[in-house]
Amino acid sequence: RTLAKGARFTRVPWVMVASTTVSVGIAVRTGVRELQVIAALVAHRLETGHDSPPDPALVKRVAVELYLDPKHAPDLSGDRLRLVRLTRKWIVSGAFGRNTSKQATKALDAAERLDAPAVRARWAAR
C-alpha cells in the first residue's frame, strides 16, 4: 500500500509488534512497582529520627536517583526529575527483555545505606 506522501506500508509481523508492546507494558509496570518499593524505603529512612514526615518531593527525587544510579549519592541540585531516562530505561528493558531485578536490588541496598540526616540537610540548604 502507498500511504501519504509516497510512503510505503511495509509488512511488519504484527505478532512481533504485539509481543513487544506487551513486554514494554510489563517492564513499565514492574519498574513502577520497584520504584514504589524504593520510595517507601526512602521515606522510612528519611522519617526515622525526625518528628515530621519528609518532603514528598525529596522522597521522589531520592527514589528516582537511587533507582537510576544506585552507585552514586543522590543528586539534589537539579530542578528536574530524570523522567526521560526512567521512561527510556523501562522501554528499552521491555523491548529487549532485560531483567531489571539486579539493579533494583542494588537500589534497595543503596536506600538502606542512605545517610538520611545528610540528605535532609542538603535538601534544606538548597
PDB file of N, CA and C in Angstrom:
ATOM      1  N   ARG A   1       0.825  -1.182   0.000  1.00  0.00           N
ATOM      2  CA  ARG A   1       0.000   0.000   0.000  1.00  0.00           C
ATOM      3  C   ARG A   1       0.868   1.244   0.000  1.00  0.00           C
ATOM      4  N   THR A   2       0.334   2.284  -0.557  1.00  0.00           N
ATOM      5  CA  THR A   2       1.012   3.570  -0.524  1.00  0.00           C
ATOM      6  C   THR A   2       0.266   4.476   0.437  1.00  0.00           C
ATOM      7  N   LEU A   3       1.003   5.071   1.339  1.00  0.00           N
ATOM      8  CA  LEU A   3       0.420   5.984   2.315  1.00  0.00           C
ATOM      9  C   LEU A   3       0.640   7.419   1.860  1.00  0.00           C
ATOM     10  N   ALA A   4       0.393   8.354   2.715  1.00  0.00           N
ATOM     11  CA  ALA A   4       0.542   9.774   2.400  1.00  0.00           C
ATOM     12  C   ALA A   4       1.970  10.102   1.995  1.00  0.00           C
ATOM     13  N   LYS A   5       2.110  10.980   1.021  1.00  0.00           N
ATOM     14  CA  LYS A   5       3.399  11.488   0.536  1.00  0.00           C
ATOM     15  C   LYS A   5       4.309  10.382   0.020  1.00  0.00           C
ATOM     16  N   GLY A   6       3.746   9.335  -0.526  1.00  0.00           N
ATOM     17  CA  GLY A   6       4.526   8.295  -1.175  1.00  0.00           C
ATOM     18  C   GLY A   6       5.178   7.284  -0.255  1.00  0.00           C
ATOM     19  N   ALA A   7       4.925   7.375   1.041  1.00  0.00           N
ATOM     20  CA  ALA A   7       5.499   6.406   1.975  1.00  0.00           C
ATOM     21  C   ALA A   7       4.848   5.048   1.745  1.00  0.00           C
ATOM     22  N   ARG A   8       5.588   4.023   1.918  1.00  0.00           N
ATOM     23  CA  ARG A   8       5.055   2.679   1.707  1.00  0.00           C
ATOM     24  C   ARG A   8       4.794   1.993   3.039  1.00  0.00           C
ATOM     25  N   PHE A   9       3.747   1.208   3.064  1.00  0.00           N
ATOM     26  CA  PHE A   9       3.398   0.426   4.242  1.00  0.00           C
ATOM     27  C   PHE A   9       4.131  -0.897   4.134  1.00  0.00           C
ATOM     28  N   THR A  10       5.077  -1.113   4.999  1.00  0.00           N
ATOM     29  CA  THR A  10       5.837  -2.360   4.947  1.00  0.00           C
ATOM     30  C   THR A  10       5.103  -3.442   5.709  1.00  0.00           C
ATOM     31  N   ARG A  11       5.411  -4.622   5.384  1.00  0.00           N
ATOM     32  CA  ARG A  11       4.780  -5.751   6.076  1.00  0.00           C
ATOM     33  C   ARG A  11       5.548  -6.042   7.353  1.00  0.00           C
ATOM     34  N   VAL A  12       4.907  -5.760   8.451  1.00  0.00           N
ATOM     35  CA  VAL A  12       5.502  -5.977   9.763  1.00  0.00           C
ATOM     36  C   VAL A  12       4.769  -7.142  10.404  1.00  0.00           C
ATOM     37  N   PRO A  13       5.492  -8.094  10.914  1.00  0.00           N
ATOM     38  CA  PRO A  13       4.804  -9.185  11.613  1.00  0.00           C
ATOM     39  C   PRO A  13       4.113  -8.639  12.862  1.00  0.00           C
ATOM     40  N   TRP A  14       2.801  -8.589  12.834  1.00  0.00           N
ATOM     41  CA  TRP A  14       2.031  -7.984  13.910  1.00  0.00           C
ATOM     42  C   TRP A  14       2.177  -8.737  15.222  1.00  0.00           C
ATOM     43  N   VAL A  15       2.511 -10.002  15.143  1.00  0.00           N
ATOM     44  CA  VAL A  15       2.753 -10.761  16.373  1.00  0.00           C
ATOM     45  C   VAL A  15       3.973 -10.199  17.096  1.00  0.00           C
ATOM     46  N   MET A  16       4.970  -9.823  16.324  1.00  0.00           N
ATOM     47  CA  MET A  16       6.181  -9.254  16.918  1.00  0.00           C
ATOM     48  C   MET A  16       5.882  -7.898  17.554  1.00  0.00           C
ATOM     49  N   VAL A  17       5.112  -7.081  16.876  1.00  0.00           N
ATOM     50  CA  VAL A  17       4.744  -5.769  17.420  1.00  0.00           C
ATOM     51  C   VAL A  17       3.924  -5.931  18.694  1.00  0.00           C
ATOM     52  N   ALA A  18       2.962  -6.856  18.655  1.00  0.00           N
ATOM     53  CA  ALA A  18       2.108  -7.076  19.824  1.00  0.00           C
ATOM     54  C   ALA A  18       2.903  -7.603  21.013  1.00  0.00           C
ATOM     55  N   SER A  19       3.799  -8.558  20.761  1.00  0.00           N
ATOM     56  CA  SER A  19       4.577  -9.117  21.874  1.00  0.00           C
ATOM     57  C   SER A  19       5.538  -8.083  22.449  1.00  0.00           C
ATOM     58  N   THR A  20       6.114  -7.234  21.594  1.00  0.00           N
ATOM     59  CA  THR A  20       6.998  -6.178  22.086  1.00  0.00           C
ATOM     60  C   THR A  20       6.214  -5.171  22.923  1.00  0.00           C
ATOM     61  N   THR A  21       5.008  -4.836  22.469  1.00  0.00           N
ATOM     62  CA  THR A  21       4.169  -3.902  23.221  1.00  0.00           C
ATOM     63  C   THR A  21       3.812  -4.468  24.591  1.00  0.00           C
ATOM     64  N   VAL A  22       3.482  -5.740  24.639  1.00  0.00           N
ATOM     65  CA  VAL A  22       3.160  -6.381  25.919  1.00  0.00           C
ATOM     66  C   VAL A  22       4.395  -6.401  26.816  1.00  0.00           C
ATOM     67  N   SER A  23       5.552  -6.692  26.252  1.00  0.00           N
ATOM     68  CA  SER A  23       6.792  -6.717  27.036  1.00  0.00           C
ATOM     69  C   SER A  23       7.119  -5.341  27.619  1.00  0.00           C
ATOM     70  N   VAL A  24       6.915  -4.296  26.823  1.00  0.00           N
ATOM     71  CA  VAL A  24       7.164  -2.940  27.317  1.00  0.00           C
ATOM     72  C   VAL A  24       6.182  -2.607  28.433  1.00  0.00           C
ATOM     73  N   GLY A  25       4.928  -2.997  28.279  1.00  0.00           N
ATOM     74  CA  GLY A  25       3.928  -2.764  29.322  1.00  0.00           C
ATOM     75  C   GLY A  25       4.281  -3.460  30.619  1.00  0.00           C
ATOM     76  N   ILE A  26       4.755  -4.681  30.513  1.00  0.00           N
ATOM     77  CA  ILE A  26       5.158  -5.430  31.706  1.00  0.00           C
ATOM     78  C   ILE A  26       6.380  -4.778  32.355  1.00  0.00           C
ATOM     79  N   ALA A  27       7.331  -4.326  31.525  1.00  0.00           N
ATOM     80  CA  ALA A  27       8.529  -3.675  32.065  1.00  0.00           C
ATOM     81  C   ALA A  27       8.174  -2.379  32.788  1.00  0.00           C
ATOM     82  N   VAL A  28       7.243  -1.609  32.229  1.00  0.00           N
ATOM     83  CA  VAL A  28       6.838  -0.360  32.874  1.00  0.00           C
ATOM     84  C   VAL A  28       6.129  -0.654  34.190  1.00  0.00           C
ATOM     85  N   ARG A  29       5.235  -1.636  34.171  1.00  0.00           N
ATOM     86  CA  ARG A  29       4.514  -1.979  35.409  1.00  0.00           C
ATOM     87  C   ARG A  29       5.486  -2.477  36.473  1.00  0.00           C
ATOM     88  N   THR A  30       6.436  -3.309  36.102  1.00  0.00           N
ATOM     89  CA  THR A  30       7.434  -3.810  37.046  1.00  0.00           C
ATOM     90  C   THR A  30       8.311  -2.669  37.565  1.00  0.00           C
ATOM     91  N   GLY A  31       8.713  -1.771  36.664  1.00  0.00           N
ATOM     92  CA  GLY A  31       9.532  -0.637  37.069  1.00  0.00           C
ATOM     93  C   GLY A  31       8.818   0.283  38.037  1.00  0.00           C
ATOM     94  N   VAL A  32       7.531   0.515  37.796  1.00  0.00           N
ATOM     95  CA  VAL A  32       6.757   1.364  38.703  1.00  0.00           C
ATOM     96  C   VAL A  32       6.675   0.717  40.084  1.00  0.00           C
ATOM     97  N   ARG A  33       6.465  -0.586  40.119  1.00  0.00           N
ATOM     98  CA  ARG A  33       6.412  -1.281  41.416  1.00  0.00           C
ATOM     99  C   ARG A  33       7.752  -1.214  42.134  1.00  0.00           C
ATOM    100  N   GLU A  34       8.842  -1.429  41.391  1.00  0.00           N
ATOM    101  CA  GLU A  34      10.165  -1.335  42.006  1.00  0.00           C
ATOM    102  C   GLU A  34      10.406   0.065  42.560  1.00  0.00           C
ATOM    103  N   LEU A  35      10.013   1.073  41.804  1.00  0.00           N
ATOM    104  CA  LEU A  35      10.194   2.452  42.240  1.00  0.00           C
ATOM    105  C   LEU A  35       9.338   2.780  43.458  1.00  0.00           C
ATOM    106  N   GLN A  36       8.137   2.218  43.535  1.00  0.00           N
ATOM    107  CA  GLN A  36       7.283   2.428  44.709  1.00  0.00           C
ATOM    108  C   GLN A  36       7.904   1.822  45.961  1.00  0.00           C
ATOM    109  N   VAL A  37       8.481   0.646  45.823  1.00  0.00           N
ATOM    110  CA  VAL A  37       9.124  -0.007  46.976  1.00  0.00           C
ATOM    111  C   VAL A  37      10.331   0.811  47.428  1.00  0.00           C
ATOM    112  N   ILE A  38      11.117   1.279  46.483  1.00  0.00           N
ATOM    113  CA  ILE A  38      12.291   2.084  46.826  1.00  0.00           C
ATOM    114  C   ILE A  38      11.854   3.391  47.494  1.00  0.00           C
ATOM    115  N   ALA A  39      10.798   4.020  46.970  1.00  0.00           N
ATOM    116  CA  ALA A  39      10.304   5.270  47.558  1.00  0.00           C
ATOM    117  C   ALA A  39       9.799   5.050  48.973  1.00  0.00           C
ATOM    118  N   ALA A  40       9.127   3.927  49.220  1.00  0.00           N
ATOM    119  CA  ALA A  40       8.653   3.635  50.578  1.00  0.00           C
ATOM    120  C   ALA A  40       9.827   3.467  51.533  1.00  0.00           C
ATOM    121  N   LEU A  41      10.878   2.780  51.086  1.00  0.00           N
ATOM    122  CA  LEU A  41      12.057   2.599  51.936  1.00  0.00           C
ATOM    123  C   LEU A  41      12.766   3.938  52.171  1.00  0.00           C
ATOM    124  N   VAL A  42      12.866   4.754  51.136  1.00  0.00           N
ATOM    125  CA  VAL A  42      13.500   6.062  51.283  1.00  0.00           C
ATOM    126  C   VAL A  42      12.704   6.926  52.264  1.00  0.00           C
ATOM    127  N   ALA A  43      11.381   6.920  52.146  1.00  0.00           N
ATOM    128  CA  ALA A  43      10.541   7.696  53.063  1.00  0.00           C
ATOM    129  C   ALA A  43      10.725   7.229  54.500  1.00  0.00           C
ATOM    130  N   HIS A  44      10.811   5.915  54.686  1.00  0.00           N
ATOM    131  CA  HIS A  44      11.031   5.378  56.034  1.00  0.00           C
ATOM    132  C   HIS A  44      12.385   5.811  56.578  1.00  0.00           C
ATOM    133  N   ARG A  45      13.421   5.731  55.738  1.00  0.00           N
ATOM    134  CA  ARG A  45      14.765   6.115  56.197  1.00  0.00           C
ATOM    135  C   ARG A  45      14.834   7.603  56.524  1.00  0.00           C
ATOM    136  N   LEU A  46      14.153   8.441  55.713  1.00  0.00           N
ATOM    137  CA  LEU A  46      14.191   9.881  55.963  1.00  0.00           C
ATOM    138  C   LEU A  46      13.344  10.277  57.168  1.00  0.00           C
ATOM    139  N   GLU A  47      12.339   9.477  57.476  1.00  0.00           N
ATOM    140  CA  GLU A  47      11.462   9.782  58.602  1.00  0.00           C
ATOM    141  C   GLU A  47      12.047   9.322  59.941  1.00  0.00           C
ATOM    142  N   THR A  48      12.891   8.315  59.910  1.00  0.00           N
ATOM    143  CA  THR A  48      13.482   7.779  61.127  1.00  0.00           C
ATOM    144  C   THR A  48      14.332   8.844  61.817  1.00  0.00           C
ATOM    145  N   GLY A  49      14.016   9.092  63.067  1.00  0.00           N
ATOM    146  CA  GLY A  49      14.778  10.046  63.846  1.00  0.00           C
ATOM    147  C   GLY A  49      14.272  11.476  63.753  1.00  0.00           C
ATOM    148  N   HIS A  50      13.209  11.704  63.001  1.00  0.00           N
ATOM    149  CA  HIS A  50      12.637  13.046  62.893  1.00  0.00           C
ATOM    150  C   HIS A  50      11.162  12.979  63.257  1.00  0.00           C
ATOM    151  N   ASP A  51      10.677  14.064  63.829  1.00  0.00           N
ATOM    152  CA  ASP A  51       9.268  14.105  64.216  1.00  0.00           C
ATOM    153  C   ASP A  51       8.344  14.377  63.035  1.00  0.00           C
ATOM    154  N   SER A  52       8.840  15.073  62.035  1.00  0.00           N
ATOM    155  CA  SER A  52       7.994  15.425  60.898  1.00  0.00           C
ATOM    156  C   SER A  52       8.248  14.479  59.724  1.00  0.00           C
ATOM    157  N   PRO A  53       7.234  14.228  58.924  1.00  0.00           N
ATOM    158  CA  PRO A  53       7.439  13.381  57.746  1.00  0.00           C
ATOM    159  C   PRO A  53       8.296  14.115  56.718  1.00  0.00           C
ATOM    160  N   PRO A  54       9.005  13.378  55.886  1.00  0.00           N
ATOM    161  CA  PRO A  54       9.868  14.024  54.888  1.00  0.00           C
ATOM    162  C   PRO A  54       9.040  14.681  53.782  1.00  0.00           C
ATOM    163  N   ASP A  55       9.652  15.619  53.115  1.00  0.00           N
ATOM    164  CA  ASP A  55       9.027  16.298  51.987  1.00  0.00           C
ATOM    165  C   ASP A  55       8.801  15.280  50.860  1.00  0.00           C
ATOM    166  N   PRO A  56       7.577  15.180  50.317  1.00  0.00           N
ATOM    167  CA  PRO A  56       7.317  14.213  49.234  1.00  0.00           C
ATOM    168  C   PRO A  56       8.190  14.438  48.001  1.00  0.00           C
ATOM    169  N   ALA A  57       8.539  15.699  47.716  1.00  0.00           N
ATOM    170  CA  ALA A  57       9.410  15.968  46.569  1.00  0.00           C
ATOM    171  C   ALA A  57      10.811  15.400  46.810  1.00  0.00           C
ATOM    172  N   LEU A  58      11.274  15.473  48.050  1.00  0.00           N
ATOM    173  CA  LEU A  58      12.581  14.898  48.396  1.00  0.00           C
ATOM    174  C   LEU A  58      12.552  13.382  48.250  1.00  0.00           C
ATOM    175  N   VAL A  59      11.502  12.757  48.729  1.00  0.00           N
ATOM    176  CA  VAL A  59      11.377  11.297  48.625  1.00  0.00           C
ATOM    177  C   VAL A  59      11.367  10.877  47.162  1.00  0.00           C
ATOM    178  N   LYS A  60      10.606  11.586  46.344  1.00  0.00           N
ATOM    179  CA  LYS A  60      10.515  11.250  44.922  1.00  0.00           C
ATOM    180  C   LYS A  60      11.861  11.397  44.235  1.00  0.00           C
ATOM    181  N   ARG A  61      12.528  12.518  44.501  1.00  0.00           N
ATOM    182  CA  ARG A  61      13.821  12.763  43.847  1.00  0.00           C
ATOM    183  C   ARG A  61      14.858  11.723  44.254  1.00  0.00           C
ATOM    184  N   VAL A  62      14.952  11.434  45.550  1.00  0.00           N
ATOM    185  CA  VAL A  62      15.947  10.465  46.023  1.00  0.00           C
ATOM    186  C   VAL A  62      15.632   9.068  45.487  1.00  0.00           C
ATOM    187  N   ALA A  63      14.371   8.685  45.483  1.00  0.00           N
ATOM    188  CA  ALA A  63      14.000   7.358  44.984  1.00  0.00           C
ATOM    189  C   ALA A  63      14.343   7.202  43.511  1.00  0.00           C
ATOM    190  N   VAL A  64      14.035   8.200  42.702  1.00  0.00           N
ATOM    191  CA  VAL A  64      14.339   8.118  41.270  1.00  0.00           C
ATOM    192  C   VAL A  64      15.843   8.113  41.041  1.00  0.00           C
ATOM    193  N   GLU A  65      16.561   8.954  41.761  1.00  0.00           N
ATOM    194  CA  GLU A  65      18.026   8.994  41.622  1.00  0.00           C
ATOM    195  C   GLU A  65      18.655   7.651  41.993  1.00  0.00           C
ATOM    196  N   LEU A  66      18.208   7.068  43.097  1.00  0.00           N
ATOM    197  CA  LEU A  66      18.761   5.766  43.504  1.00  0.00           C
ATOM    198  C   LEU A  66      18.370   4.671  42.521  1.00  0.00           C
ATOM    199  N   TYR A  67      17.173   4.732  41.988  1.00  0.00           N
ATOM    200  CA  TYR A  67      16.712   3.717  41.035  1.00  0.00           C
ATOM    201  C   TYR A  67      17.524   3.774  39.742  1.00  0.00           C
ATOM    202  N   LEU A  68      17.830   4.983  39.288  1.00  0.00           N
ATOM    203  CA  LEU A  68      18.576   5.117  38.042  1.00  0.00           C
ATOM    204  C   LEU A  68      20.071   4.879  38.216  1.00  0.00           C
ATOM    205  N   ASP A  69      20.624   5.314  39.336  1.00  0.00           N
ATOM    206  CA  ASP A  69      22.064   5.177  39.545  1.00  0.00           C
ATOM    207  C   ASP A  69      22.351   4.877  41.007  1.00  0.00           C
ATOM    208  N   PRO A  70      22.240   3.604  41.398  1.00  0.00           N
ATOM    209  CA  PRO A  70      22.416   3.265  42.820  1.00  0.00           C
ATOM    210  C   PRO A  70      23.849   3.376  43.325  1.00  0.00           C
ATOM    211  N   LYS A  71      24.829   3.501  42.437  1.00  0.00           N
ATOM    212  CA  LYS A  71      26.219   3.554  42.870  1.00  0.00           C
ATOM    213  C   LYS A  71      26.621   4.919  43.417  1.00  0.00           C
ATOM    214  N   HIS A  72      25.900   5.967  43.018  1.00  0.00           N
ATOM    215  CA  HIS A  72      26.277   7.319  43.420  1.00  0.00           C
ATOM    216  C   HIS A  72      25.261   7.904  44.389  1.00  0.00           C
ATOM    217  N   ALA A  73      25.722   8.880  45.149  1.00  0.00           N
ATOM    218  CA  ALA A  73      24.826   9.582  46.070  1.00  0.00           C
ATOM    219  C   ALA A  73      23.795  10.362  45.260  1.00  0.00           C
ATOM    220  N   PRO A  74      22.588  10.476  45.766  1.00  0.00           N
ATOM    221  CA  PRO A  74      21.549  11.186  45.017  1.00  0.00           C
ATOM    222  C   PRO A  74      21.911  12.649  44.779  1.00  0.00           C
ATOM    223  N   ASP A  75      21.688  13.109  43.563  1.00  0.00           N
ATOM    224  CA  ASP A  75      21.949  14.495  43.182  1.00  0.00           C
ATOM    225  C   ASP A  75      20.683  15.305  43.435  1.00  0.00           C
ATOM    226  N   LEU A  76      20.745  16.215  44.385  1.00  0.00           N
ATOM    227  CA  LEU A  76      19.582  17.021  44.750  1.00  0.00           C
ATOM    228  C   LEU A  76      19.626  18.418  44.155  1.00  0.00           C
ATOM    229  N   SER A  77      20.675  18.726  43.393  1.00  0.00           N
ATOM    230  CA  SER A  77      20.846  20.087  42.894  1.00  0.00           C
ATOM    231  C   SER A  77      19.989  20.388  41.675  1.00  0.00           C
ATOM    232  N   GLY A  78      19.731  19.410  40.847  1.00  0.00           N
ATOM    233  CA  GLY A  78      18.963  19.652  39.633  1.00  0.00           C
ATOM    234  C   GLY A  78      17.502  19.927  39.918  1.00  0.00           C
ATOM    235  N   ASP A  79      16.866  20.686  39.023  1.00  0.00           N
ATOM    236  CA  ASP A  79      15.469  21.029  39.208  1.00  0.00           C
ATOM    237  C   ASP A  79      14.520  20.033  38.558  1.00  0.00           C
ATOM    238  N   ARG A  80      15.031  19.172  37.715  1.00  0.00           N
ATOM    239  CA  ARG A  80      14.137  18.264  37.005  1.00  0.00           C
ATOM    240  C   ARG A  80      14.367  16.827  37.451  1.00  0.00           C
ATOM    241  N   LEU A  81      13.313  16.075  37.394  1.00  0.00           N
ATOM    242  CA  LEU A  81      13.438  14.651  37.649  1.00  0.00           C
ATOM    243  C   LEU A  81      14.002  13.975  36.411  1.00  0.00           C
ATOM    244  N   ARG A  82      14.467  12.832  36.555  1.00  0.00           N
ATOM    245  CA  ARG A  82      15.055  12.099  35.446  1.00  0.00           C
ATOM    246  C   ARG A  82      13.992  11.241  34.747  1.00  0.00           C
ATOM    247  N   LEU A  83      12.844  11.830  34.431  1.00  0.00           N
ATOM    248  CA  LEU A  83      11.736  11.063  33.868  1.00  0.00           C
ATOM    249  C   LEU A  83      12.034  10.525  32.476  1.00  0.00           C
ATOM    250  N   VAL A  84      12.803  11.260  31.688  1.00  0.00           N
ATOM    251  CA  VAL A  84      13.137  10.787  30.341  1.00  0.00           C
ATOM    252  C   VAL A  84      14.016   9.544  30.438  1.00  0.00           C
ATOM    253  N   ARG A  85      15.033   9.587  31.302  1.00  0.00           N
ATOM    254  CA  ARG A  85      15.899   8.408  31.472  1.00  0.00           C
ATOM    255  C   ARG A  85      15.121   7.226  32.038  1.00  0.00           C
ATOM    256  N   LEU A  86      14.200   7.529  32.944  1.00  0.00           N
ATOM    257  CA  LEU A  86      13.385   6.486  33.560  1.00  0.00           C
ATOM    258  C   LEU A  86      12.497   5.810  32.522  1.00  0.00           C
ATOM    259  N   THR A  87      11.825   6.595  31.715  1.00  0.00           N
ATOM    260  CA  THR A  87      10.958   6.049  30.665  1.00  0.00           C
ATOM    261  C   THR A  87      11.769   5.275  29.637  1.00  0.00           C
ATOM    262  N   ARG A  88      12.903   5.822  29.231  1.00  0.00           N
ATOM    263  CA  ARG A  88      13.747   5.143  28.253  1.00  0.00           C
ATOM    264  C   ARG A  88      14.242   3.800  28.804  1.00  0.00           C
ATOM    265  N   LYS A  89      14.586   3.772  30.087  1.00  0.00           N
ATOM    266  CA  LYS A  89      15.053   2.532  30.699  1.00  0.00           C
ATOM    267  C   LYS A  89      13.971   1.466  30.654  1.00  0.00           C
ATOM    268  N   TRP A  90      12.735   1.838  31.003  1.00  0.00           N
ATOM    269  CA  TRP A  90      11.651   0.868  31.003  1.00  0.00           C
ATOM    270  C   TRP A  90      11.313   0.390  29.593  1.00  0.00           C
ATOM    271  N   ILE A  91      11.327   1.292  28.627  1.00  0.00           N
ATOM    272  CA  ILE A  91      11.001   0.893  27.249  1.00  0.00           C
ATOM    273  C   ILE A  91      12.079  -0.014  26.690  1.00  0.00           C
ATOM    274  N   VAL A  92      13.341   0.342  26.883  1.00  0.00           N
ATOM    275  CA  VAL A  92      14.444  -0.488  26.373  1.00  0.00           C
ATOM    276  C   VAL A  92      14.468  -1.845  27.062  1.00  0.00           C
ATOM    277  N   SER A  93      14.263  -1.852  28.377  1.00  0.00           N
ATOM    278  CA  SER A  93      14.292  -3.138  29.082  1.00  0.00           C
ATOM    279  C   SER A  93      13.124  -4.017  28.645  1.00  0.00           C
ATOM    280  N   GLY A  94      11.992  -3.422  28.332  1.00  0.00           N
ATOM    281  CA  GLY A  94      10.859  -4.209  27.862  1.00  0.00           C
ATOM    282  C   GLY A  94      11.041  -4.694  26.443  1.00  0.00           C
ATOM    283  N   ALA A  95      11.570  -3.831  25.586  1.00  0.00           N
ATOM    284  CA  ALA A  95      11.738  -4.200  24.182  1.00  0.00           C
ATOM    285  C   ALA A  95      12.813  -5.256  23.994  1.00  0.00           C
ATOM    286  N   PHE A  96      13.863  -5.200  24.814  1.00  0.00           N
ATOM    287  CA  PHE A  96      14.960  -6.140  24.653  1.00  0.00           C
ATOM    288  C   PHE A  96      14.987  -7.228  25.708  1.00  0.00           C
ATOM    289  N   GLY A  97      13.987  -7.260  26.562  1.00  0.00           N
ATOM    290  CA  GLY A  97      13.870  -8.338  27.535  1.00  0.00           C
ATOM    291  C   GLY A  97      14.911  -8.333  28.622  1.00  0.00           C
ATOM    292  N   ARG A  98      15.387  -7.165  29.009  1.00  0.00           N
ATOM    293  CA  ARG A  98      16.396  -7.094  30.068  1.00  0.00           C
ATOM    294  C   ARG A  98      15.737  -7.243  31.428  1.00  0.00           C
ATOM    295  N   ASN A  99      16.416  -7.923  32.306  1.00  0.00           N
ATOM    296  CA  ASN A  99      15.928  -8.121  33.659  1.00  0.00           C
ATOM    297  C   ASN A  99      16.458  -6.992  34.539  1.00  0.00           C
ATOM    298  N   THR A 100      15.552  -6.273  35.176  1.00  0.00           N
ATOM    299  CA  THR A 100      15.961  -5.122  35.994  1.00  0.00           C
ATOM    300  C   THR A 100      16.048  -5.452  37.472  1.00  0.00           C
ATOM    301  N   SER A 101      15.839  -6.707  37.839  1.00  0.00           N
ATOM    302  CA  SER A 101      15.798  -7.041  39.264  1.00  0.00           C
ATOM    303  C   SER A 101      17.147  -6.842  39.955  1.00  0.00           C
ATOM    304  N   LYS A 102      18.261  -7.060  39.264  1.00  0.00           N
ATOM    305  CA  LYS A 102      19.573  -6.872  39.884  1.00  0.00           C
ATOM    306  C   LYS A 102      19.808  -5.398  40.208  1.00  0.00           C
ATOM    307  N   GLN A 103      19.454  -4.519  39.283  1.00  0.00           N
ATOM    308  CA  GLN A 103      19.653  -3.099  39.542  1.00  0.00           C
ATOM    309  C   GLN A 103      18.683  -2.605  40.609  1.00  0.00           C
ATOM    310  N   ALA A 104      17.478  -3.142  40.634  1.00  0.00           N
ATOM    311  CA  ALA A 104      16.521  -2.749  41.678  1.00  0.00           C
ATOM    312  C   ALA A 104      17.019  -3.202  43.041  1.00  0.00           C
ATOM    313  N   THR A 105      17.640  -4.362  43.110  1.00  0.00           N
ATOM    314  CA  THR A 105      18.218  -4.839  44.364  1.00  0.00           C
ATOM    315  C   THR A 105      19.349  -3.919  44.820  1.00  0.00           C
ATOM    316  N   LYS A 106      20.181  -3.475  43.876  1.00  0.00           N
ATOM    317  CA  LYS A 106      21.251  -2.541  44.219  1.00  0.00           C
ATOM    318  C   LYS A 106      20.678  -1.212  44.712  1.00  0.00           C
ATOM    319  N   ALA A 107      19.580  -0.768  44.092  1.00  0.00           N
ATOM    320  CA  ALA A 107      18.940   0.478  44.515  1.00  0.00           C
ATOM    321  C   ALA A 107      18.357   0.340  45.918  1.00  0.00           C
ATOM    322  N   LEU A 108      17.785  -0.816  46.226  1.00  0.00           N
ATOM    323  CA  LEU A 108      17.272  -1.053  47.586  1.00  0.00           C
ATOM    324  C   LEU A 108      18.403  -1.058  48.605  1.00  0.00           C
ATOM    325  N   ASP A 109      19.520  -1.674  48.245  1.00  0.00           N
ATOM    326  CA  ASP A 109      20.687  -1.668  49.138  1.00  0.00           C
ATOM    327  C   ASP A 109      21.188  -0.235  49.362  1.00  0.00           C
ATOM    328  N   ALA A 110      21.205   0.561  48.299  1.00  0.00           N
ATOM    329  CA  ALA A 110      21.639   1.950  48.422  1.00  0.00           C
ATOM    330  C   ALA A 110      20.664   2.749  49.287  1.00  0.00           C
ATOM    331  N   ALA A 111      19.376   2.455  49.179  1.00  0.00           N
ATOM    332  CA  ALA A 111      18.384   3.140  50.011  1.00  0.00           C
ATOM    333  C   ALA A 111      18.536   2.765  51.478  1.00  0.00           C
ATOM    334  N   GLU A 112      18.926   1.529  51.751  1.00  0.00           N
ATOM    335  CA  GLU A 112      19.155   1.106  53.136  1.00  0.00           C
ATOM    336  C   GLU A 112      20.388   1.784  53.729  1.00  0.00           C
ATOM    337  N   ARG A 113      21.383   2.064  52.902  1.00  0.00           N
ATOM    338  CA  ARG A 113      22.610   2.712  53.381  1.00  0.00           C
ATOM    339  C   ARG A 113      22.533   4.231  53.317  1.00  0.00           C
ATOM    340  N   LEU A 114      21.389   4.764  52.936  1.00  0.00           N
ATOM    341  CA  LEU A 114      21.213   6.203  52.743  1.00  0.00           C
ATOM    342  C   LEU A 114      21.507   6.970  54.033  1.00  0.00           C
ATOM    343  N   ASP A 115      22.316   7.986  53.919  1.00  0.00           N
ATOM    344  CA  ASP A 115      22.624   8.853  55.058  1.00  0.00           C
ATOM    345  C   ASP A 115      21.514   9.903  55.141  1.00  0.00           C
ATOM    346  N   ALA A 116      20.461   9.562  55.850  1.00  0.00           N
ATOM    347  CA  ALA A 116      19.254  10.385  55.888  1.00  0.00           C
ATOM    348  C   ALA A 116      19.494  11.791  56.443  1.00  0.00           C
ATOM    349  N   PRO A 117      20.213  11.944  57.558  1.00  0.00           N
ATOM    350  CA  PRO A 117      20.435  13.317  58.057  1.00  0.00           C
ATOM    351  C   PRO A 117      21.177  14.197  57.051  1.00  0.00           C
ATOM    352  N   ALA A 118      22.151  13.636  56.363  1.00  0.00           N
ATOM    353  CA  ALA A 118      22.900  14.429  55.371  1.00  0.00           C
ATOM    354  C   ALA A 118      22.011  14.816  54.196  1.00  0.00           C
ATOM    355  N   VAL A 119      21.161  13.898  53.756  1.00  0.00           N
ATOM    356  CA  VAL A 119      20.266  14.180  52.641  1.00  0.00           C
ATOM    357  C   VAL A 119      19.257  15.260  53.029  1.00  0.00           C
ATOM    358  N   ARG A 120      18.692  15.147  54.227  1.00  0.00           N
ATOM    359  CA  ARG A 120      17.744  16.172  54.687  1.00  0.00           C
ATOM    360  C   ARG A 120      18.427  17.534  54.822  1.00  0.00           C
ATOM    361  N   ALA A 121      19.655  17.542  55.292  1.00  0.00           N
ATOM    362  CA  ALA A 121      20.388  18.800  55.432  1.00  0.00           C
ATOM    363  C   ALA A 121      20.673  19.435  54.069  1.00  0.00           C
ATOM    364  N   ARG A 122      21.107  18.614  53.113  1.00  0.00           N
ATOM    365  CA  ARG A 122      21.351  19.143  51.767  1.00  0.00           C
ATOM    366  C   ARG A 122      20.072  19.659  51.134  1.00  0.00           C
ATOM    367  N   TRP A 123      18.950  18.973  51.381  1.00  0.00           N
ATOM    368  CA  TRP A 123      17.659  19.390  50.829  1.00  0.00           C
ATOM    369  C   TRP A 123      17.223  20.733  51.436  1.00  0.00           C
ATOM    370  N   ALA A 124      17.442  20.881  52.738  1.00  0.00           N
ATOM    371  CA  ALA A 124      17.051  22.122  53.403  1.00  0.00           C
ATOM    372  C   ALA A 124      17.952  23.285  52.985  1.00  0.00           C
ATOM    373  N   ALA A 125      19.203  22.994  52.656  1.00  0.00           N
ATOM    374  CA  ALA A 125      20.148  24.039  52.301  1.00  0.00           C
ATOM    375  C   ALA A 125      20.028  24.491  50.848  1.00  0.00           C
ATOM    376  N   ARG A 126      19.357  23.749  50.030  1.00  0.00           N
ATOM    377  CA  ARG A 126      19.314  24.129  48.601  1.00  0.00           C
ATOM    378  C   ARG A 126      18.413  25.253  48.315  1.00  0.00           C
TER     379      ARG A 126
END
